[in-house]
Amino acid sequence: MLNARPPKIINGPEVLNKYVGASEENVRKMFADAEKEYKEKGDESGLHIIIFDELDAVCKQRGSGAGGGTGVGDSVVNQLLTKLDGVDQLNNILLIGMTNRKDMIDEALLRPGRLEVQLEIGLPDEDGRKEILMIHTNKMRENDIMDDSVDVQALAAQTKNYSGAEIAGVVKAATSF
């Protein structure tokens, strides 16, 4: 079993701040617990998992004008690069970046040694859509709100090219009527 700390979930846009240097400070704070523990325990330190959602909102290609022309976007990327492989490189951090716009992320972040393992999670197939429908209609079935004649398999077939979030939205909309 991994000796891991509870994951720290960061919503990308929340890193950005209107005050000079505050965005970069927010990046440093993401790593502070791991750095402190690594200094105290070295390789015996627990694994710190940082899940960075909407990475593309913060880590756009440098020089692209992200940050409203202030250069904040560039310095946030630079700060993150420094934390990932700077002088004080840490071995107790697993950074997971999530995006639906990989093409917008600065290429330096995607090179080996940084965010090198990249997995694309595609749209669910029909069986996956059926499972998602079953999950989101479970309470409806338990409370007898959903008619027994509803064919979840047929709905799964009719929702080709829907994401899990879109299917959840359809179910939520159906409960509004």
C-alpha atoms as a PDB file:
ATOM      1  CA  MET A   1       0.000   0.000   0.000  1.00  0.00           C
ATOM      2  CA  LEU A   2       1.205   3.498  -0.781  1.00  0.00           C
ATOM      3  CA  ASN A   3       2.292   5.690   2.073  1.00  0.00           C
ATOM      4  CA  ALA A   4       0.274   8.561   0.607  1.00  0.00           C
ATOM      5  CA  ARG A   5      -1.291  11.650   2.074  1.00  0.00           C
ATOM      6  CA  PRO A   6      -4.887  12.525   1.147  1.00  0.00           C
ATOM      7  CA  PRO A   7      -4.905  14.067  -2.353  1.00  0.00           C
ATOM      8  CA  LYS A   8      -4.808  17.837  -2.601  1.00  0.00           C
ATOM      9  CA  ILE A   9      -7.252  18.964  -5.297  1.00  0.00           C
ATOM     10  CA  ILE A  10      -6.464  22.267  -6.977  1.00  0.00           C
ATOM     11  CA  ASN A  11      -8.892  23.986  -9.343  1.00  0.00           C
ATOM     12  CA  GLY A  12      -6.654  25.705 -11.899  1.00  0.00           C
ATOM     13  CA  PRO A  13      -8.391  29.085 -12.116  1.00  0.00           C
ATOM     14  CA  GLU A  14      -8.305  29.404  -8.311  1.00  0.00           C
ATOM     15  CA  VAL A  15      -4.501  29.607  -8.483  1.00  0.00           C
ATOM     16  CA  LEU A  16      -4.696  32.925 -10.312  1.00  0.00           C
ATOM     17  CA  ASN A  17      -4.827  36.074  -8.206  1.00  0.00           C
ATOM     18  CA  LYS A  18      -5.040  39.749  -9.124  1.00  0.00           C
ATOM     19  CA  TYR A  19      -2.168  40.787  -6.834  1.00  0.00           C
ATOM     20  CA  VAL A  20       1.417  40.810  -8.114  1.00  0.00           C
ATOM     21  CA  GLY A  21       3.231  37.619  -7.153  1.00  0.00           C
ATOM     22  CA  ALA A  22       0.201  36.034  -5.469  1.00  0.00           C
ATOM     23  CA  SER A  23      -0.430  33.531  -8.274  1.00  0.00           C
ATOM     24  CA  GLU A  24       3.145  32.312  -8.092  1.00  0.00           C
ATOM     25  CA  GLU A  25       2.848  32.114  -4.290  1.00  0.00           C
ATOM     26  CA  ASN A  26      -0.245  29.934  -4.724  1.00  0.00           C
ATOM     27  CA  VAL A  27       1.821  27.527  -6.848  1.00  0.00           C
ATOM     28  CA  ARG A  28       4.507  27.414  -4.148  1.00  0.00           C
ATOM     29  CA  LYS A  29       1.848  26.714  -1.490  1.00  0.00           C
ATOM     30  CA  MET A  30       0.688  23.674  -3.482  1.00  0.00           C
ATOM     31  CA  PHE A  31       4.052  22.050  -2.819  1.00  0.00           C
ATOM     32  CA  ALA A  32       4.779  23.436   0.673  1.00  0.00           C
ATOM     33  CA  ASP A  33       3.557  20.433   2.696  1.00  0.00           C
ATOM     34  CA  ALA A  34       5.529  17.981   0.567  1.00  0.00           C
ATOM     35  CA  GLU A  35       8.677  20.115   0.747  1.00  0.00           C
ATOM     36  CA  LYS A  36       8.444  20.439   4.521  1.00  0.00           C
ATOM     37  CA  GLU A  37       7.936  16.708   5.031  1.00  0.00           C
ATOM     38  CA  TYR A  38      10.734  15.828   2.606  1.00  0.00           C
ATOM     39  CA  LYS A  39      13.160  18.083   4.507  1.00  0.00           C
ATOM     40  CA  GLU A  40      12.187  16.354   7.765  1.00  0.00           C
ATOM     41  CA  LYS A  41      11.993  12.723   6.600  1.00  0.00           C
ATOM     42  CA  GLY A  42      13.818  12.528   3.283  1.00  0.00           C
ATOM     43  CA  ASP A  43      12.965   9.429   1.267  1.00  0.00           C
ATOM     44  CA  GLU A  44      10.806   8.172   4.148  1.00  0.00           C
ATOM     45  CA  SER A  45       8.370  10.993   3.435  1.00  0.00           C
ATOM     46  CA  GLY A  46       4.844  10.036   2.393  1.00  0.00           C
ATOM     47  CA  LEU A  47       3.636  10.529  -1.156  1.00  0.00           C
ATOM     48  CA  HIS A  48       1.865  13.842  -1.713  1.00  0.00           C
ATOM     49  CA  ILE A  49      -0.671  13.648  -4.533  1.00  0.00           C
ATOM     50  CA  ILE A  50      -1.650  16.939  -6.145  1.00  0.00           C
ATOM     51  CA  ILE A  51      -4.550  16.813  -8.587  1.00  0.00           C
ATOM     52  CA  PHE A  52      -4.528  19.938 -10.731  1.00  0.00           C
ATOM     53  CA  ASP A  53      -7.887  20.300 -12.496  1.00  0.00           C
ATOM     54  CA  GLU A  54      -8.250  22.612 -15.508  1.00  0.00           C
ATOM     55  CA  LEU A  55      -4.482  22.813 -15.923  1.00  0.00           C
ATOM     56  CA  ASP A  56      -4.956  24.547 -19.276  1.00  0.00           C
ATOM     57  CA  ALA A  57      -6.505  27.587 -17.545  1.00  0.00           C
ATOM     58  CA  VAL A  58      -3.224  28.334 -15.770  1.00  0.00           C
ATOM     59  CA  CYS A  59      -0.450  26.726 -17.821  1.00  0.00           C
ATOM     60  CA  LYS A  60      -0.987  28.105 -21.303  1.00  0.00           C
ATOM     61  CA  GLN A  61       1.871  28.316 -23.794  1.00  0.00           C
ATOM     62  CA  ARG A  62       4.293  30.963 -22.568  1.00  0.00           C
ATOM     63  CA  GLY A  63       4.279  34.074 -24.710  1.00  0.00           C
ATOM     64  CA  SER A  64       0.628  33.500 -25.644  1.00  0.00           C
ATOM     65  CA  GLY A  65      -0.566  36.554 -23.714  1.00  0.00           C
ATOM     66  CA  ALA A  66      -2.299  34.482 -21.030  1.00  0.00           C
ATOM     67  CA  GLY A  67      -2.900  36.530 -17.914  1.00  0.00           C
ATOM     68  CA  GLY A  68      -4.229  39.576 -19.726  1.00  0.00           C
ATOM     69  CA  GLY A  69      -0.860  40.701 -21.090  1.00  0.00           C
ATOM     70  CA  THR A  70       0.664  40.999 -17.615  1.00  0.00           C
ATOM     71  CA  GLY A  71       2.934  37.974 -17.993  1.00  0.00           C
ATOM     72  CA  VAL A  72       1.282  36.306 -14.988  1.00  0.00           C
ATOM     73  CA  GLY A  73       0.533  33.201 -17.055  1.00  0.00           C
ATOM     74  CA  ASP A  74       4.190  32.917 -18.037  1.00  0.00           C
ATOM     75  CA  SER A  75       5.471  33.307 -14.489  1.00  0.00           C
ATOM     76  CA  VAL A  76       2.961  30.783 -13.132  1.00  0.00           C
ATOM     77  CA  VAL A  77       4.225  28.249 -15.692  1.00  0.00           C
ATOM     78  CA  ASN A  78       7.823  29.120 -14.792  1.00  0.00           C
ATOM     79  CA  GLN A  79       7.080  28.674 -11.077  1.00  0.00           C
ATOM     80  CA  LEU A  80       5.475  25.281 -11.715  1.00  0.00           C
ATOM     81  CA  LEU A  81       8.443  24.187 -13.850  1.00  0.00           C
ATOM     82  CA  THR A  82      10.790  25.229 -11.048  1.00  0.00           C
ATOM     83  CA  LYS A  83       8.824  23.176  -8.541  1.00  0.00           C
ATOM     84  CA  LEU A  84       8.733  20.125 -10.810  1.00  0.00           C
ATOM     85  CA  ASP A  85      12.439  19.932 -11.555  1.00  0.00           C
ATOM     86  CA  GLY A  86      14.248  22.790  -9.894  1.00  0.00           C
ATOM     87  CA  VAL A  87      17.325  22.637  -7.689  1.00  0.00           C
ATOM     88  CA  ASP A  88      15.317  21.153  -4.800  1.00  0.00           C
ATOM     89  CA  GLN A  89      13.712  18.328  -6.766  1.00  0.00           C
ATOM     90  CA  LEU A  90      11.402  16.236  -4.596  1.00  0.00           C
ATOM     91  CA  ASN A  91      10.650  12.534  -4.940  1.00  0.00           C
ATOM     92  CA  ASN A  92       7.538  12.553  -2.778  1.00  0.00           C
ATOM     93  CA  ILE A  93       5.133  14.321  -5.147  1.00  0.00           C
ATOM     94  CA  LEU A  94       2.776  12.906  -7.747  1.00  0.00           C
ATOM     95  CA  LEU A  95       1.280  15.706  -9.818  1.00  0.00           C
ATOM     96  CA  ILE A  96      -1.773  14.811 -11.869  1.00  0.00           C
ATOM     97  CA  GLY A  97      -2.855  17.482 -14.323  1.00  0.00           C
ATOM     98  CA  MET A  98      -6.282  17.296 -15.925  1.00  0.00           C
ATOM     99  CA  THR A  99      -7.459  19.162 -18.988  1.00  0.00           C
ATOM    100  CA  ASN A 100      -9.711  18.867 -21.971  1.00  0.00           C
ATOM    101  CA  ARG A 101      -7.392  21.189 -23.937  1.00  0.00           C
ATOM    102  CA  LYS A 102      -3.944  19.553 -23.938  1.00  0.00           C
ATOM    103  CA  ASP A 103      -3.083  21.605 -27.024  1.00  0.00           C
ATOM    104  CA  MET A 104      -3.115  24.792 -24.912  1.00  0.00           C
ATOM    105  CA  ILE A 105      -0.663  23.582 -22.249  1.00  0.00           C
ATOM    106  CA  ASP A 106       2.918  24.836 -22.412  1.00  0.00           C
ATOM    107  CA  GLU A 107       5.021  22.160 -24.120  1.00  0.00           C
ATOM    108  CA  ALA A 108       7.764  22.418 -21.494  1.00  0.00           C
ATOM    109  CA  LEU A 109       5.348  20.944 -18.930  1.00  0.00           C
ATOM    110  CA  LEU A 110       4.678  17.914 -21.129  1.00  0.00           C
ATOM    111  CA  ARG A 111       8.263  16.853 -21.691  1.00  0.00           C
ATOM    112  CA  PRO A 112       9.845  13.799 -19.996  1.00  0.00           C
ATOM    113  CA  GLY A 113      10.539  14.286 -16.308  1.00  0.00           C
ATOM    114  CA  ARG A 114       7.574  16.572 -15.784  1.00  0.00           C
ATOM    115  CA  LEU A 115       4.055  15.614 -16.891  1.00  0.00           C
ATOM    116  CA  GLU A 116       5.403  12.921 -19.168  1.00  0.00           C
ATOM    117  CA  VAL A 117       2.724  10.243 -18.780  1.00  0.00           C
ATOM    118  CA  GLN A 118      -0.358  11.381 -20.652  1.00  0.00           C
ATOM    119  CA  LEU A 119      -3.586   9.436 -20.795  1.00  0.00           C
ATOM    120  CA  GLU A 120      -6.571  10.378 -22.888  1.00  0.00           C
ATOM    121  CA  ILE A 121      -9.884   9.391 -21.407  1.00  0.00           C
ATOM    122  CA  GLY A 122     -12.300   9.212 -24.292  1.00  0.00           C
ATOM    123  CA  LEU A 123     -16.051   9.161 -24.398  1.00  0.00           C
ATOM    124  CA  PRO A 124     -17.767   6.142 -22.849  1.00  0.00           C
ATOM    125  CA  ASP A 125     -18.936   3.294 -25.069  1.00  0.00           C
ATOM    126  CA  GLU A 126     -22.511   2.019 -24.894  1.00  0.00           C
ATOM    127  CA  ASP A 127     -21.827  -0.184 -21.864  1.00  0.00           C
ATOM    128  CA  GLY A 128     -20.131   2.725 -20.120  1.00  0.00           C
ATOM    129  CA  ARG A 129     -23.048   5.021 -20.900  1.00  0.00           C
ATOM    130  CA  LYS A 130     -25.440   2.411 -19.492  1.00  0.00           C
ATOM    131  CA  GLU A 131     -23.409   2.256 -16.261  1.00  0.00           C
ATOM    132  CA  ILE A 132     -23.421   6.054 -16.021  1.00  0.00           C
ATOM    133  CA  LEU A 133     -27.186   6.105 -16.581  1.00  0.00           C
ATOM    134  CA  MET A 134     -27.670   3.429 -13.925  1.00  0.00           C
ATOM    135  CA  ILE A 135     -25.641   5.445 -11.420  1.00  0.00           C
ATOM    136  CA  HIS A 136     -27.498   8.687 -12.092  1.00  0.00           C
ATOM    137  CA  THR A 137     -30.968   7.107 -12.154  1.00  0.00           C
ATOM    138  CA  ASN A 138     -30.418   4.934  -9.076  1.00  0.00           C
ATOM    139  CA  LYS A 139     -32.225   7.246  -6.640  1.00  0.00           C
ATOM    140  CA  MET A 140     -35.043   7.707  -9.150  1.00  0.00           C
ATOM    141  CA  ARG A 141     -35.545   3.937  -9.240  1.00  0.00           C
ATOM    142  CA  GLU A 142     -35.256   3.609  -5.440  1.00  0.00           C
ATOM    143  CA  ASN A 143     -37.919   6.286  -4.910  1.00  0.00           C
ATOM    144  CA  ASP A 144     -40.212   4.950  -7.670  1.00  0.00           C
ATOM    145  CA  ILE A 145     -39.877   8.193  -9.602  1.00  0.00           C
ATOM    146  CA  MET A 146     -38.705   6.429 -12.760  1.00  0.00           C
ATOM    147  CA  ASP A 147     -41.256   4.354 -14.614  1.00  0.00           C
ATOM    148  CA  ASP A 148     -40.444   0.648 -14.992  1.00  0.00           C
ATOM    149  CA  SER A 149     -40.918   0.968 -18.750  1.00  0.00           C
ATOM    150  CA  VAL A 150     -37.815   3.174 -19.119  1.00  0.00           C
ATOM    151  CA  ASP A 151     -35.266   1.165 -21.111  1.00  0.00           C
ATOM    152  CA  VAL A 152     -31.847   2.247 -19.866  1.00  0.00           C
ATOM    153  CA  GLN A 153     -30.134   0.136 -22.546  1.00  0.00           C
ATOM    154  CA  ALA A 154     -32.061   2.001 -25.260  1.00  0.00           C
ATOM    155  CA  LEU A 155     -31.131   5.329 -23.667  1.00  0.00           C
ATOM    156  CA  ALA A 156     -27.486   4.259 -23.653  1.00  0.00           C
ATOM    157  CA  ALA A 157     -27.740   3.479 -27.361  1.00  0.00           C
ATOM    158  CA  GLN A 158     -29.342   6.868 -28.060  1.00  0.00           C
ATOM    159  CA  THR A 159     -26.677   8.854 -26.223  1.00  0.00           C
ATOM    160  CA  LYS A 160     -23.755   8.033 -28.518  1.00  0.00           C
ATOM    161  CA  ASN A 161     -20.983  10.677 -28.290  1.00  0.00           C
ATOM    162  CA  TYR A 162     -22.269  11.927 -24.921  1.00  0.00           C
ATOM    163  CA  SER A 163     -19.789  12.453 -22.114  1.00  0.00           C
ATOM    164  CA  GLY A 164     -20.528  11.312 -18.583  1.00  0.00           C
ATOM    165  CA  ALA A 165     -21.257  14.917 -17.607  1.00  0.00           C
ATOM    166  CA  GLU A 166     -23.706  15.307 -20.485  1.00  0.00           C
ATOM    167  CA  ILE A 167     -25.523  12.111 -19.494  1.00  0.00           C
ATOM    168  CA  ALA A 168     -25.712  13.334 -15.890  1.00  0.00           C
ATOM    169  CA  GLY A 169     -27.145  16.596 -17.219  1.00  0.00           C
ATOM    170  CA  VAL A 170     -29.816  14.769 -19.218  1.00  0.00           C
ATOM    171  CA  VAL A 171     -30.874  12.793 -16.134  1.00  0.00           C
ATOM    172  CA  LYS A 172     -30.915  15.948 -14.014  1.00  0.00           C
ATOM    173  CA  ALA A 173     -33.033  17.735 -16.619  1.00  0.00           C
ATOM    174  CA  ALA A 174     -35.431  14.774 -16.708  1.00  0.00           C
ATOM    175  CA  THR A 175     -35.957  15.039 -12.951  1.00  0.00           C
ATOM    176  CA  SER A 176     -36.965  18.687 -13.358  1.00  0.00           C
ATOM    177  CA  PHE A 177     -40.202  17.822 -15.160  1.00  0.00           C
END
